[in-house]
């Protein structure tokens, strides 16, 4: 078995991973491990923009941006993190500009900016133009720009290499109050090479997880097939908690029946949502900023219109995004990709016809808990030395219970950069942690079990049933009964998963094998999501409980933490422990969330 040694290993080559690699690669011996070719990473699907209070078009400042992020997240945002992100947003955009990203420009040559949901001036008084953009291909441009700069800095990439385990050693340690605990230390990761089927170990002083989200838990999703929550699940299996996993964002404007994303940029440029009666219904739900309310509010409003019988189409199961009042030249200049999606996938001409849309699973607000340096926490306060996370896989809790549009591309750049710098600096003084006696044993057993198991259950059918129950029971509207039903289904699917069999028994390019392993990750995360949702008996942000429709600050102004613990039982699930963590406040007290 091959053992590679690097100061810093970055897992994932999307926006967060490559932004970290640019920083770490200039300071330390760095490798990037990615299960895709880097420019195929899902950051490339992000469309609308990256926000920063540049004030190029209208008056703006970072404090307004901070407030919008906190209010948009329904006050579950850690406010120190929101301040860092809003302050460093301006430099993050300028960094990309200096790297060569072709932003749209104002007539004066400045970076142009447009409106996006939940972004306001003067603490909520009116919408503001804060989103910097490159047509509706902003994520694609960021991904290409970052990759070119990684090549410029000679970052080493290992493409189509799947990371299947993170190696964490434990030593006895004592807290200040005299209590003892097991301190985790990272020593590396274990990989599976798609092209050869070989298993290898990458020993590292520092590891940065940047593996993205877990949208494939759901059937209707804007996420690529590769977003199976690998980093979250690997960390969870090794005793790292997952934070706030009940909060999943459903983007309002997915193509009806498909989930393919139509950017919020369309509404930023003036498109409006209409029901079957032609009414611009968001005026009833968010009278101040209407169609540019935060995503959780717009998604619930759309779903409610359908539930109350005002949906469009033969089955009355979607609403309409209307761009027909916009000039075709304006649409072509600012929204070329999303209008092409409508033509290609639905056969609709956006110049003259409204586009059928409905909410689609889009973004996981929760993830691996970190502090503002990107350091991973093994409990509420204790850092795992050398382990970092950034982007959607992480929960620095800058998004709280609902992420504002364009804050994701900002998050990956701000906290990707911070994680890369912190990991490289840590590696300068740290020693390699000794590898376990047989570091690849878990992955070897996992791969052998999946390859050799001759069960009758098919991976694709279990995955379909998982996605169906999550779509039915854990989507925009939830209740104690539907969440419990999803949990019951997941437990049944876990039993079926033990009896899987794959057809491809080979070593080279065995996607059958890897999809089976990814399904295991999805089952773990679906279980964590449902247990977390069952515990949170309130409605906040992306988590709406019909049996508890109000926000309950007295009992639930705290983060959910779920640990893997073989001795614990939570909601009837053996091996899971529930805990909470306080929200960090700095200057903004919770208030009613009106738009």
Protein backbone atom coordinates (compact mmCIF):
# COMPACT_ATOMS: atom_id res chain seq x y z
CA UNK A 1 0.00 0.00 0.00
CA UNK A 2 1.31 3.40 -1.02
CA UNK A 3 1.72 6.13 1.63
CA UNK A 4 2.07 9.74 0.43
CA UNK A 5 3.27 12.52 2.73
CA UNK A 6 2.17 16.16 2.46
CA UNK A 7 2.12 19.06 4.89
CA UNK A 8 -1.46 19.93 3.85
CA UNK A 9 -4.03 17.70 2.15
CA UNK A 10 -7.20 19.36 0.83
CA UNK A 11 -10.18 17.09 0.15
CA UNK A 12 -12.32 18.53 -2.62
CA UNK A 13 -11.56 20.84 -5.55
CA UNK A 14 -14.57 23.10 -5.70
CA UNK A 15 -14.45 26.77 -4.82
CA UNK A 16 -13.56 26.31 -1.14
CA UNK A 17 -10.96 23.62 -1.80
CA UNK A 18 -9.16 25.50 -4.56
CA UNK A 19 -9.30 28.81 -2.69
CA UNK A 20 -7.67 27.01 0.25
CA UNK A 21 -5.15 25.40 -2.11
CA UNK A 22 -4.04 28.77 -3.54
CA UNK A 23 -3.15 29.92 -0.01
CA UNK A 24 -1.74 26.64 1.33
CA UNK A 25 0.17 25.86 -1.88
CA UNK A 26 2.26 29.01 -1.56
CA UNK A 27 3.16 28.24 2.06
CA UNK A 28 3.45 24.45 2.38
CA UNK A 29 3.75 21.16 0.47
CA UNK A 30 0.10 20.74 -0.55
CA UNK A 31 -2.01 18.15 -2.36
CA UNK A 32 -5.64 18.43 -3.49
CA UNK A 33 -7.64 15.18 -3.66
CA UNK A 34 -10.83 15.29 -5.72
CA UNK A 35 -13.26 12.67 -6.96
CA UNK A 36 -13.90 14.86 -10.03
CA UNK A 37 -11.76 16.74 -12.47
CA UNK A 38 -11.55 20.12 -10.64
CA UNK A 39 -13.48 22.22 -13.16
CA UNK A 40 -16.41 19.77 -12.97
CA UNK A 41 -16.97 20.58 -9.28
CA UNK A 42 -20.42 21.81 -8.32
CA UNK A 43 -19.32 25.39 -7.65
CA UNK A 44 -19.52 25.69 -11.44
CA UNK A 45 -23.31 25.37 -11.26
CA UNK A 46 -23.72 28.51 -9.12
CA UNK A 47 -25.27 31.20 -11.26
CA UNK A 48 -26.32 34.49 -9.78
CA UNK A 49 -23.45 36.20 -8.01
CA UNK A 50 -21.17 36.78 -5.03
CA UNK A 51 -22.13 39.57 -2.66
CA UNK A 52 -19.93 42.27 -1.17
CA UNK A 53 -20.72 45.79 0.02
CA UNK A 54 -18.58 47.43 -2.67
CA UNK A 55 -21.13 50.28 -3.05
CA UNK A 56 -20.27 50.50 -6.75
CA UNK A 57 -23.89 51.09 -7.79
CA UNK A 58 -25.72 52.17 -4.61
CA UNK A 59 -24.77 53.19 -1.09
CA UNK A 60 -23.88 50.11 0.98
CA UNK A 61 -21.66 48.96 3.87
CA UNK A 62 -20.52 45.74 5.52
CA UNK A 63 -22.67 46.31 8.63
CA UNK A 64 -25.86 46.24 6.56
CA UNK A 65 -24.59 43.05 4.93
CA UNK A 66 -23.92 41.55 8.39
CA UNK A 67 -27.42 42.45 9.58
CA UNK A 68 -29.06 40.96 6.46
CA UNK A 69 -27.09 37.72 6.91
CA UNK A 70 -28.15 37.43 10.57
CA UNK A 71 -31.79 38.34 9.97
CA UNK A 72 -31.92 36.13 6.87
CA UNK A 73 -30.62 33.23 8.96
CA UNK A 74 -33.47 33.85 11.44
CA UNK A 75 -30.99 34.83 14.18
CA UNK A 76 -29.40 31.38 14.46
CA UNK A 77 -26.28 32.85 12.81
CA UNK A 78 -23.09 33.07 14.88
CA UNK A 79 -22.64 36.80 14.62
CA UNK A 80 -18.86 36.86 14.93
CA UNK A 81 -18.68 34.71 11.78
CA UNK A 82 -21.18 36.92 9.92
CA UNK A 83 -19.08 40.00 10.74
CA UNK A 84 -15.91 38.32 9.46
CA UNK A 85 -17.60 37.28 6.23
CA UNK A 86 -19.18 40.67 5.53
CA UNK A 87 -15.98 42.59 6.34
CA UNK A 88 -13.74 40.32 4.24
CA UNK A 89 -16.22 40.12 1.36
CA UNK A 90 -14.79 43.18 -0.33
CA UNK A 91 -11.23 41.81 -0.40
CA UNK A 92 -12.57 38.41 -1.50
CA UNK A 93 -14.17 39.93 -4.59
CA UNK A 94 -11.12 42.06 -5.35
CA UNK A 95 -8.87 39.00 -4.97
CA UNK A 96 -10.87 37.25 -7.68
CA UNK A 97 -10.79 40.33 -9.89
CA UNK A 98 -7.00 40.46 -9.58
CA UNK A 99 -6.83 36.75 -10.40
CA UNK A 100 -8.60 37.52 -13.68
CA UNK A 101 -12.30 36.82 -13.11
CA UNK A 102 -14.35 38.60 -15.81
CA UNK A 103 -17.06 40.33 -13.77
CA UNK A 104 -19.79 42.31 -15.52
CA UNK A 105 -18.95 46.02 -15.51
CA UNK A 106 -20.71 49.34 -15.06
CA UNK A 107 -20.30 51.97 -17.83
CA UNK A 108 -17.52 53.47 -15.65
CA UNK A 109 -15.64 50.15 -15.63
CA UNK A 110 -16.37 49.18 -12.02
CA UNK A 111 -17.64 45.72 -11.03
CA UNK A 112 -21.40 45.81 -11.62
CA UNK A 113 -23.83 44.76 -8.89
CA UNK A 114 -27.46 43.63 -8.81
CA UNK A 115 -30.18 42.86 -6.31
CA UNK A 116 -30.61 39.51 -4.60
CA UNK A 117 -33.09 38.10 -2.09
CA UNK A 118 -32.78 39.36 1.49
CA UNK A 119 -30.02 41.91 0.76
CA UNK A 120 -31.13 45.39 1.88
CA UNK A 121 -29.90 48.87 2.66
CA UNK A 122 -30.17 50.59 6.03
CA UNK A 123 -31.16 47.48 8.01
CA UNK A 124 -34.06 46.32 5.91
CA UNK A 125 -35.58 49.49 4.51
CA UNK A 126 -35.22 48.70 0.79
CA UNK A 127 -33.45 46.25 -1.56
CA UNK A 128 -29.82 47.03 -2.41
CA UNK A 129 -27.55 46.10 -5.33
CA UNK A 130 -24.86 44.01 -3.62
CA UNK A 131 -24.31 40.92 -5.81
CA UNK A 132 -21.21 41.02 -8.04
CA UNK A 133 -21.73 38.79 -11.04
CA UNK A 134 -20.49 37.41 -14.34
CA UNK A 135 -23.79 37.15 -16.27
CA UNK A 136 -25.49 34.07 -14.76
CA UNK A 137 -22.31 31.99 -14.84
CA UNK A 138 -20.61 33.42 -11.75
CA UNK A 139 -19.77 30.07 -10.13
CA UNK A 140 -18.42 28.72 -13.39
CA UNK A 141 -16.16 31.75 -13.75
CA UNK A 142 -14.96 31.45 -10.14
CA UNK A 143 -14.14 27.76 -10.61
CA UNK A 144 -12.17 28.37 -13.82
CA UNK A 145 -10.33 31.36 -12.32
CA UNK A 146 -9.34 29.47 -9.16
CA UNK A 147 -8.18 26.43 -11.12
CA UNK A 148 -6.00 28.57 -13.40
CA UNK A 149 -4.41 30.16 -10.35
CA UNK A 150 -3.84 26.76 -8.69
CA UNK A 151 -1.99 25.70 -11.85
CA UNK A 152 -0.03 28.96 -11.74
CA UNK A 153 1.08 28.15 -8.17
CA UNK A 154 1.95 24.51 -9.02
CA UNK A 155 -0.65 22.99 -6.71
CA UNK A 156 -0.59 19.17 -6.97
CA UNK A 157 -3.94 17.60 -7.91
CA UNK A 158 -4.95 13.96 -7.56
CA UNK A 159 -8.02 13.76 -9.80
CA UNK A 160 -10.70 11.06 -9.64
CA UNK A 161 -9.38 9.95 -6.26
CA UNK A 162 -12.13 9.28 -3.70
CA UNK A 163 -11.41 9.97 -0.02
CA UNK A 164 -13.30 7.33 1.98
CA UNK A 165 -11.93 7.77 5.52
CA UNK A 166 -10.24 10.37 7.71
CA UNK A 167 -7.65 9.09 10.21
CA UNK A 168 -8.08 10.48 13.72
CA UNK A 169 -5.92 9.34 16.63
CA UNK A 170 -7.08 9.84 20.23
CA UNK A 171 -5.04 10.64 23.34
CA UNK A 172 -6.05 11.20 26.96
CA UNK A 173 -6.27 14.90 27.85
CA UNK A 174 -7.48 17.00 30.77
CA UNK A 175 -9.63 20.14 30.66
CA UNK A 176 -9.06 23.20 32.85
CA UNK A 177 -11.81 22.02 35.22
CA UNK A 178 -9.95 18.73 35.76
CA UNK A 179 -12.25 16.51 33.70
CA UNK A 180 -10.60 14.09 31.29
CA UNK A 181 -11.53 13.54 27.64
CA UNK A 182 -10.16 11.96 24.47
CA UNK A 183 -8.42 14.56 22.29
CA UNK A 184 -8.60 13.77 18.58
CA UNK A 185 -5.61 14.45 16.27
CA UNK A 186 -5.69 14.14 12.49
CA UNK A 187 -3.02 12.00 10.84
CA UNK A 188 -4.27 11.75 7.25
CA UNK A 189 -6.89 10.30 4.92
CA UNK A 190 -7.45 7.03 3.03
CA UNK A 191 -8.23 7.11 -0.69
CA UNK A 192 -9.58 4.92 -3.49
CA UNK A 193 -8.24 5.61 -6.99
CA UNK A 194 -11.05 5.36 -9.54
CA UNK A 195 -8.74 4.46 -12.44
CA UNK A 196 -6.89 1.61 -10.72
CA UNK A 197 -8.99 0.57 -7.72
CA UNK A 198 -5.90 0.96 -5.54
CA UNK A 199 -6.23 2.10 -1.93
CA UNK A 200 -3.62 4.56 -0.61
CA UNK A 201 -2.94 6.64 2.49
CA UNK A 202 -2.13 10.35 2.47
CA UNK A 203 -0.37 11.24 5.69
CA UNK A 204 -0.66 14.96 6.47
CA UNK A 205 0.02 17.45 9.24
CA UNK A 206 -3.19 19.27 8.28
CA UNK A 207 -6.32 18.17 6.41
CA UNK A 208 -8.92 20.56 4.96
CA UNK A 209 -12.36 19.17 4.15
CA UNK A 210 -14.04 21.01 1.25
CA UNK A 211 -16.29 18.26 -0.05
CA UNK A 212 -19.51 20.24 -0.58
CA UNK A 213 -23.09 19.39 0.30
CA UNK A 214 -25.49 16.45 0.42
CA UNK A 215 -28.38 17.42 -1.84
CA UNK A 216 -28.73 13.89 -3.27
CA UNK A 217 -30.49 12.91 -0.06
CA UNK A 218 -33.51 14.42 -1.88
CA UNK A 219 -35.09 13.46 -5.19
CA UNK A 220 -35.84 16.97 -6.44
CA UNK A 221 -32.56 18.82 -6.10
CA UNK A 222 -30.39 21.32 -7.91
CA UNK A 223 -27.33 19.35 -6.80
CA UNK A 224 -25.10 17.23 -9.01
CA UNK A 225 -25.07 13.42 -8.62
CA UNK A 226 -21.71 13.67 -6.85
CA UNK A 227 -23.01 15.70 -3.88
CA UNK A 228 -23.42 12.78 -1.51
CA UNK A 229 -22.15 14.38 1.71
CA UNK A 230 -18.90 12.36 1.82
CA UNK A 231 -16.96 14.74 4.09
CA UNK A 232 -19.81 15.18 6.56
CA UNK A 233 -20.41 11.43 6.79
CA UNK A 234 -16.71 10.54 7.15
CA UNK A 235 -16.26 13.03 9.97
CA UNK A 236 -19.45 11.85 11.68
CA UNK A 237 -18.36 8.22 11.55
CA UNK A 238 -15.11 9.19 13.30
CA UNK A 239 -16.86 10.94 16.20
CA UNK A 240 -16.99 14.53 14.93
CA UNK A 241 -20.46 16.00 15.55
CA UNK A 242 -22.70 17.44 12.85
CA UNK A 243 -24.32 20.80 13.54
CA UNK A 244 -27.77 22.12 12.50
CA UNK A 245 -28.44 19.40 9.93
CA UNK A 246 -32.21 19.94 10.07
CA UNK A 247 -31.76 23.15 8.09
CA UNK A 248 -31.85 22.44 4.35
CA UNK A 249 -32.53 25.23 1.90
CA UNK A 250 -35.09 24.69 -0.83
CA UNK A 251 -34.32 27.13 -3.63
CA UNK A 252 -37.61 28.65 -4.84
CA UNK A 253 -37.01 28.48 -8.58
CA UNK A 254 -36.14 24.99 -9.71
CA UNK A 255 -37.57 23.93 -13.07
CA UNK A 256 -40.85 22.21 -12.20
CA UNK A 257 -40.51 18.42 -12.00
CA UNK A 258 -36.76 18.50 -12.62
CA UNK A 259 -35.15 20.62 -9.91
CA UNK A 260 -32.65 22.19 -12.32
CA UNK A 261 -31.89 25.63 -10.97
CA UNK A 262 -33.05 28.96 -12.39
CA UNK A 263 -30.99 31.58 -10.62
CA UNK A 264 -32.42 34.10 -8.18
CA UNK A 265 -30.66 36.56 -10.50
CA UNK A 266 -33.79 36.39 -12.69
CA UNK A 267 -35.83 37.97 -9.88
CA UNK A 268 -32.92 40.31 -9.19
CA UNK A 269 -33.24 41.54 -12.78
CA UNK A 270 -37.01 42.04 -12.45
CA UNK A 271 -38.72 38.66 -13.03
CA UNK A 272 -41.78 38.02 -10.84
CA UNK A 273 -43.60 34.96 -9.52
CA UNK A 274 -47.26 34.47 -10.46
CA UNK A 275 -49.92 31.91 -9.55
CA UNK A 276 -52.57 30.39 -11.84
CA UNK A 277 -54.68 33.55 -11.51
CA UNK A 278 -51.81 35.69 -12.82
CA UNK A 279 -51.40 37.31 -9.39
CA UNK A 280 -47.98 38.48 -8.23
CA UNK A 281 -48.55 36.64 -4.97
CA UNK A 282 -45.32 37.60 -3.14
CA UNK A 283 -46.87 41.03 -2.50
CA UNK A 284 -49.08 39.27 0.07
CA UNK A 285 -46.26 37.43 1.83
CA UNK A 286 -43.41 40.01 1.80
CA UNK A 287 -44.92 43.41 0.97
CA UNK A 288 -41.63 45.36 1.26
CA UNK A 289 -39.23 43.37 -0.91
CA UNK A 290 -41.73 40.97 -2.53
CA UNK A 291 -40.05 38.44 -4.84
CA UNK A 292 -36.65 39.25 -3.32
CA UNK A 293 -37.52 37.98 0.17
CA UNK A 294 -35.16 35.34 1.64
CA UNK A 295 -35.37 31.94 0.02
CA UNK A 296 -37.14 30.12 2.85
CA UNK A 297 -40.00 32.65 2.77
CA UNK A 298 -40.35 32.56 -1.03
CA UNK A 299 -40.21 28.74 -1.15
CA UNK A 300 -42.93 28.39 1.53
CA UNK A 301 -45.06 31.02 -0.20
CA UNK A 302 -44.85 29.12 -3.50
CA UNK A 303 -45.64 25.79 -1.84
CA UNK A 304 -48.57 27.41 -0.03
CA UNK A 305 -50.03 28.77 -3.28
CA UNK A 306 -49.98 25.23 -4.68
CA UNK A 307 -51.49 23.75 -1.51
CA UNK A 308 -54.33 26.27 -1.57
CA UNK A 309 -55.22 25.44 -5.16
CA UNK A 310 -53.62 28.35 -6.99
CA UNK A 311 -50.94 26.28 -8.68
CA UNK A 312 -50.54 26.23 -12.45
CA UNK A 313 -50.39 23.42 -14.99
CA UNK A 314 -52.57 20.37 -15.56
CA UNK A 315 -51.88 19.09 -12.04
CA UNK A 316 -51.78 22.57 -10.44
CA UNK A 317 -48.41 21.64 -8.90
CA UNK A 318 -46.16 24.60 -9.75
CA UNK A 319 -46.13 28.39 -10.05
CA UNK A 320 -44.79 30.59 -12.83
CA UNK A 321 -41.67 32.74 -13.13
CA UNK A 322 -42.56 35.60 -15.47
CA UNK A 323 -39.80 37.34 -17.46
CA UNK A 324 -42.02 38.34 -20.39
CA UNK A 325 -42.07 42.05 -19.41
CA UNK A 326 -38.24 42.24 -19.67
CA UNK A 327 -36.49 43.25 -22.88
CA UNK A 328 -35.07 40.22 -24.76
CA UNK A 329 -31.74 42.04 -25.11
CA UNK A 330 -31.60 42.55 -21.33
CA UNK A 331 -32.39 38.86 -20.75
CA UNK A 332 -29.69 37.80 -23.21
CA UNK A 333 -27.09 40.07 -21.61
CA UNK A 334 -27.77 39.22 -17.96
CA UNK A 335 -29.44 35.76 -17.95
CA UNK A 336 -28.24 33.75 -20.98
CA UNK A 337 -27.86 30.35 -19.29
CA UNK A 338 -31.07 30.08 -17.31
CA UNK A 339 -33.26 31.07 -20.25
CA UNK A 340 -31.52 28.40 -22.31
CA UNK A 341 -32.29 25.86 -19.55
CA UNK A 342 -36.00 26.72 -19.82
CA UNK A 343 -35.92 26.20 -23.59
CA UNK A 344 -33.87 23.00 -23.44
CA UNK A 345 -35.51 21.16 -20.56
CA UNK A 346 -39.13 22.40 -20.62
CA UNK A 347 -39.55 23.68 -24.18
CA UNK A 348 -40.62 27.09 -22.86
CA UNK A 349 -39.63 30.39 -24.54
CA UNK A 350 -38.94 32.85 -21.65
CA UNK A 351 -39.29 35.90 -23.95
CA UNK A 352 -42.99 35.18 -24.41
CA UNK A 353 -44.02 32.50 -21.87
CA UNK A 354 -43.70 32.26 -18.07
CA UNK A 355 -41.50 29.40 -16.84
CA UNK A 356 -42.94 26.63 -14.56
CA UNK A 357 -40.97 26.53 -11.27
CA UNK A 358 -41.16 24.87 -7.84
CA UNK A 359 -38.77 24.68 -4.84
CA UNK A 360 -35.80 22.31 -5.15
CA UNK A 361 -33.40 21.04 -2.47
CA UNK A 362 -30.37 23.26 -2.87
CA UNK A 363 -28.07 23.79 0.13
CA UNK A 364 -27.34 22.30 3.55
CA UNK A 365 -26.87 25.05 6.14
CA UNK A 366 -25.49 22.57 8.69
CA UNK A 367 -22.33 20.48 8.56
CA UNK A 368 -19.03 19.90 10.35
CA UNK A 369 -18.75 22.51 13.13
CA UNK A 370 -15.86 24.96 12.79
CA UNK A 371 -14.68 28.25 14.26
CA UNK A 372 -13.90 31.34 12.18
CA UNK A 373 -10.40 30.03 11.38
CA UNK A 374 -11.92 26.93 9.79
CA UNK A 375 -10.70 24.70 12.65
CA UNK A 376 -12.97 21.69 13.19
CA UNK A 377 -14.51 21.28 16.66
CA UNK A 378 -14.87 17.84 18.24
CA UNK A 379 -17.32 19.30 20.78
CA UNK A 380 -18.59 22.80 21.56
CA UNK A 381 -15.15 24.19 22.43
CA UNK A 382 -12.39 21.68 21.64
CA UNK A 383 -10.48 22.03 18.37
CA UNK A 384 -9.15 18.98 16.50
CA UNK A 385 -5.52 20.02 15.83
CA UNK A 386 -4.76 20.03 12.12
CA UNK A 387 -8.33 19.40 10.90
CA UNK A 388 -10.15 22.16 8.98
CA UNK A 389 -13.34 22.50 6.92
CA UNK A 390 -14.71 25.17 4.59
CA UNK A 391 -17.66 25.68 2.26
CA UNK A 392 -20.94 23.77 2.34
CA UNK A 393 -19.43 20.80 4.20
CA UNK A 394 -18.66 23.12 7.13
CA UNK A 395 -20.92 24.87 9.63
CA UNK A 396 -19.19 28.00 10.88
CA UNK A 397 -22.84 28.98 11.19
CA UNK A 398 -22.58 32.02 9.02
CA UNK A 399 -25.90 31.02 7.38
CA UNK A 400 -27.85 30.06 10.51
CA UNK A 401 -31.17 28.48 9.55
CA UNK A 402 -31.39 30.03 6.06
CA UNK A 403 -28.64 31.15 3.68
CA UNK A 404 -29.05 34.35 1.69
CA UNK A 405 -28.44 34.07 -2.05
CA UNK A 406 -24.83 34.88 -3.12
CA UNK A 407 -23.51 34.26 0.42
CA UNK A 408 -22.40 30.75 -0.60
CA UNK A 409 -19.88 31.90 -3.21
CA UNK A 410 -18.72 34.43 -0.65
CA UNK A 411 -18.47 31.80 2.10
CA UNK A 412 -16.25 29.49 0.02
CA UNK A 413 -13.86 32.32 -0.80
CA UNK A 414 -13.63 33.91 2.66
CA UNK A 415 -13.45 30.71 4.71
CA UNK A 416 -11.63 28.71 2.02
CA UNK A 417 -8.88 31.33 2.15
CA UNK A 418 -8.87 31.38 5.96
CA UNK A 419 -8.71 27.57 6.18
CA UNK A 420 -5.87 27.34 3.65
CA UNK A 421 -3.79 29.92 5.50
CA UNK A 422 -4.50 28.38 8.93
CA UNK A 423 -3.70 24.83 7.74
CA UNK A 424 -0.41 25.89 6.16
CA UNK A 425 0.66 27.93 9.18
CA UNK A 426 -0.21 25.03 11.51
CA UNK A 427 1.85 22.62 9.38
CA UNK A 428 4.98 24.77 9.75
CA UNK A 429 5.36 23.94 13.45
CA UNK A 430 3.44 20.67 13.74
CA UNK A 431 4.85 17.16 13.43
CA UNK A 432 3.24 14.32 11.52
CA UNK A 433 0.92 12.35 13.80
CA UNK A 434 1.80 8.66 13.72
CA UNK A 435 -0.47 6.60 11.50
CA UNK A 436 -2.49 3.74 13.04
CA UNK A 437 -1.00 0.26 12.72
CA UNK A 438 -3.18 -0.58 9.71
CA UNK A 439 -4.50 2.80 8.53
CA UNK A 440 -6.42 1.51 5.50
CA UNK A 441 -8.14 -1.38 7.31
CA UNK A 442 -11.57 0.28 7.53
CA UNK A 443 -11.62 1.23 3.82
CA UNK A 444 -10.26 -2.15 2.72
CA UNK A 445 -13.01 -3.91 4.68
CA UNK A 446 -15.66 -1.49 3.37
CA UNK A 447 -14.62 -1.97 -0.28
CA UNK A 448 -14.28 -5.75 0.10
CA UNK A 449 -17.70 -6.03 1.75
CA UNK A 450 -19.47 -4.05 -0.99
CA UNK A 451 -17.63 -5.83 -3.81
CA UNK A 452 -18.04 -9.35 -2.44
CA UNK A 453 -21.54 -9.09 -0.96
CA UNK A 454 -23.98 -11.05 -3.14
CA UNK A 455 -27.19 -9.57 -1.76
CA UNK A 456 -30.37 -9.08 -3.76
CA UNK A 457 -30.96 -5.38 -3.03
CA UNK A 458 -30.04 -2.85 -5.73
CA UNK A 459 -28.28 0.39 -4.78
CA UNK A 460 -30.31 2.51 -7.23
CA UNK A 461 -33.64 1.29 -5.81
CA UNK A 462 -32.65 1.98 -2.19
CA UNK A 463 -31.40 5.44 -3.19
CA UNK A 464 -34.68 6.15 -5.03
CA UNK A 465 -36.75 5.08 -2.01
CA UNK A 466 -34.61 7.25 0.28
CA UNK A 467 -35.03 10.27 -1.97
CA UNK A 468 -38.75 9.69 -2.32
CA UNK A 469 -39.38 9.58 1.43
CA UNK A 470 -37.19 12.65 2.04
CA UNK A 471 -39.05 14.58 -0.70
CA UNK A 472 -42.42 13.53 0.70
CA UNK A 473 -41.75 13.94 4.41
CA UNK A 474 -38.82 16.34 4.92
CA UNK A 475 -39.33 19.02 2.29
CA UNK A 476 -40.57 22.63 2.58
CA UNK A 477 -43.34 21.69 5.06
CA UNK A 478 -42.75 19.12 7.82
CA UNK A 479 -44.48 17.86 10.94
CA UNK A 480 -43.66 15.49 13.75
CA UNK A 481 -45.65 12.76 11.97
CA UNK A 482 -43.94 13.19 8.57
CA UNK A 483 -40.47 13.37 10.12
CA UNK A 484 -41.15 10.22 12.14
CA UNK A 485 -42.37 8.52 8.95
CA UNK A 486 -39.13 9.48 7.17
CA UNK A 487 -37.09 8.15 10.10
CA UNK A 488 -38.99 4.85 10.04
CA UNK A 489 -38.36 4.54 6.29
CA UNK A 490 -34.66 5.30 6.70
CA UNK A 491 -34.28 2.58 9.31
CA UNK A 492 -35.96 0.11 6.95
CA UNK A 493 -33.64 1.20 4.13
CA UNK A 494 -30.62 0.70 6.43
CA UNK A 495 -31.65 -2.93 6.87
CA UNK A 496 -32.03 -3.33 3.11
CA UNK A 497 -28.62 -1.72 2.60
CA UNK A 498 -26.99 -4.58 4.49
CA UNK A 499 -28.20 -6.88 1.72
CA UNK A 500 -26.95 -4.95 -1.33
CA UNK A 501 -25.23 -6.55 -4.27
CA UNK A 502 -23.39 -4.84 -7.13
CA UNK A 503 -22.96 -6.17 -10.64
CA UNK A 504 -19.46 -4.82 -11.36
CA UNK A 505 -16.88 -6.78 -9.34
CA UNK A 506 -13.86 -5.24 -11.08
CA UNK A 507 -11.26 -2.77 -9.82
CA UNK A 508 -10.91 -0.18 -12.59
CA UNK A 509 -13.49 2.61 -12.94
CA UNK A 510 -15.96 0.77 -10.73
CA UNK A 511 -18.66 3.43 -10.24
CA UNK A 512 -21.08 0.69 -9.17
CA UNK A 513 -18.91 0.13 -6.10
CA UNK A 514 -18.47 3.81 -5.30
CA UNK A 515 -22.16 4.64 -5.65
CA UNK A 516 -22.88 1.90 -3.12
CA UNK A 517 -20.44 3.49 -0.66
CA UNK A 518 -21.91 6.95 -1.34
CA UNK A 519 -25.38 5.57 -0.58
CA UNK A 520 -24.08 4.63 2.87
CA UNK A 521 -23.05 8.25 3.37
CA UNK A 522 -26.50 9.46 2.28
CA UNK A 523 -28.29 7.10 4.67
CA UNK A 524 -26.15 8.34 7.58
CA UNK A 525 -26.89 11.98 6.77
CA UNK A 526 -30.61 11.46 6.15
CA UNK A 527 -30.84 9.89 9.60
CA UNK A 528 -29.00 12.81 11.22
CA UNK A 529 -31.24 15.32 9.38
CA UNK A 530 -34.46 13.66 10.51
CA UNK A 531 -33.38 13.18 14.14
CA UNK A 532 -32.31 16.84 14.26
CA UNK A 533 -35.62 17.95 12.72
CA UNK A 534 -37.63 15.88 15.19
CA UNK A 535 -35.88 17.55 18.12
CA UNK A 536 -36.40 21.12 16.89
CA UNK A 537 -40.02 21.74 17.85
CA UNK A 538 -40.33 25.17 16.26
CA UNK A 539 -40.26 26.77 12.82
CA UNK A 540 -37.13 28.71 11.90
CA UNK A 541 -35.59 29.49 8.51
CA UNK A 542 -35.53 26.46 6.23
CA UNK A 543 -37.09 24.22 8.92
CA UNK A 544 -40.88 24.67 9.01
CA UNK A 545 -42.86 22.48 11.42
CA UNK A 546 -46.62 22.66 10.77
CA UNK A 547 -47.23 21.34 14.28
CA UNK A 548 -44.98 24.09 15.72
CA UNK A 549 -45.45 27.02 13.29
CA UNK A 550 -43.83 29.73 15.44
CA UNK A 551 -40.20 30.51 16.18
CA UNK A 552 -39.42 29.67 19.82
CA UNK A 553 -36.39 31.65 20.99
CA UNK A 554 -36.88 30.67 24.62
CA UNK A 555 -36.32 26.96 23.95
CA UNK A 556 -34.57 26.71 20.59
CA UNK A 557 -32.20 29.65 20.18
CA UNK A 558 -29.34 27.14 20.08
CA UNK A 559 -27.52 24.97 17.59
CA UNK A 560 -28.34 21.28 17.24
CA UNK A 561 -25.37 18.91 17.66
CA UNK A 562 -25.61 15.20 16.76
CA UNK A 563 -22.79 12.83 17.75
CA UNK A 564 -22.16 9.22 16.78
CA UNK A 565 -22.04 7.42 20.14
CA UNK A 566 -22.47 3.66 20.32
CA UNK A 567 -23.76 3.83 23.90
CA UNK A 568 -26.47 6.44 23.27
CA UNK A 569 -30.07 6.20 22.04
CA UNK A 570 -31.87 9.21 20.51
CA UNK A 571 -35.44 9.09 19.13
CA UNK A 572 -35.16 5.31 19.27
CA UNK A 573 -31.98 5.35 17.17
CA UNK A 574 -29.10 3.51 18.80
CA UNK A 575 -25.68 5.02 18.30
CA UNK A 576 -26.69 8.69 18.21
CA UNK A 577 -26.32 11.35 20.90
CA UNK A 578 -28.13 14.69 20.84
CA UNK A 579 -26.68 17.89 22.28
CA UNK A 580 -26.87 21.65 21.75
CA UNK A 581 -24.49 24.60 21.46
CA UNK A 582 -25.18 28.29 22.23
CA UNK A 583 -25.52 30.83 19.43
CA UNK A 584 -22.86 33.58 19.44
CA UNK A 585 -24.32 37.10 19.68
CA UNK A 586 -22.37 40.31 19.24
CA UNK A 587 -24.64 43.26 18.43
CA UNK A 588 -28.01 42.18 17.00
CA UNK A 589 -30.77 40.89 19.28
CA UNK A 590 -33.48 38.65 17.77
CA UNK A 591 -36.49 40.52 16.41
CA UNK A 592 -39.55 39.73 14.34
CA UNK A 593 -38.54 38.79 10.82
CA UNK A 594 -40.62 40.99 8.54
CA UNK A 595 -39.91 41.74 4.91
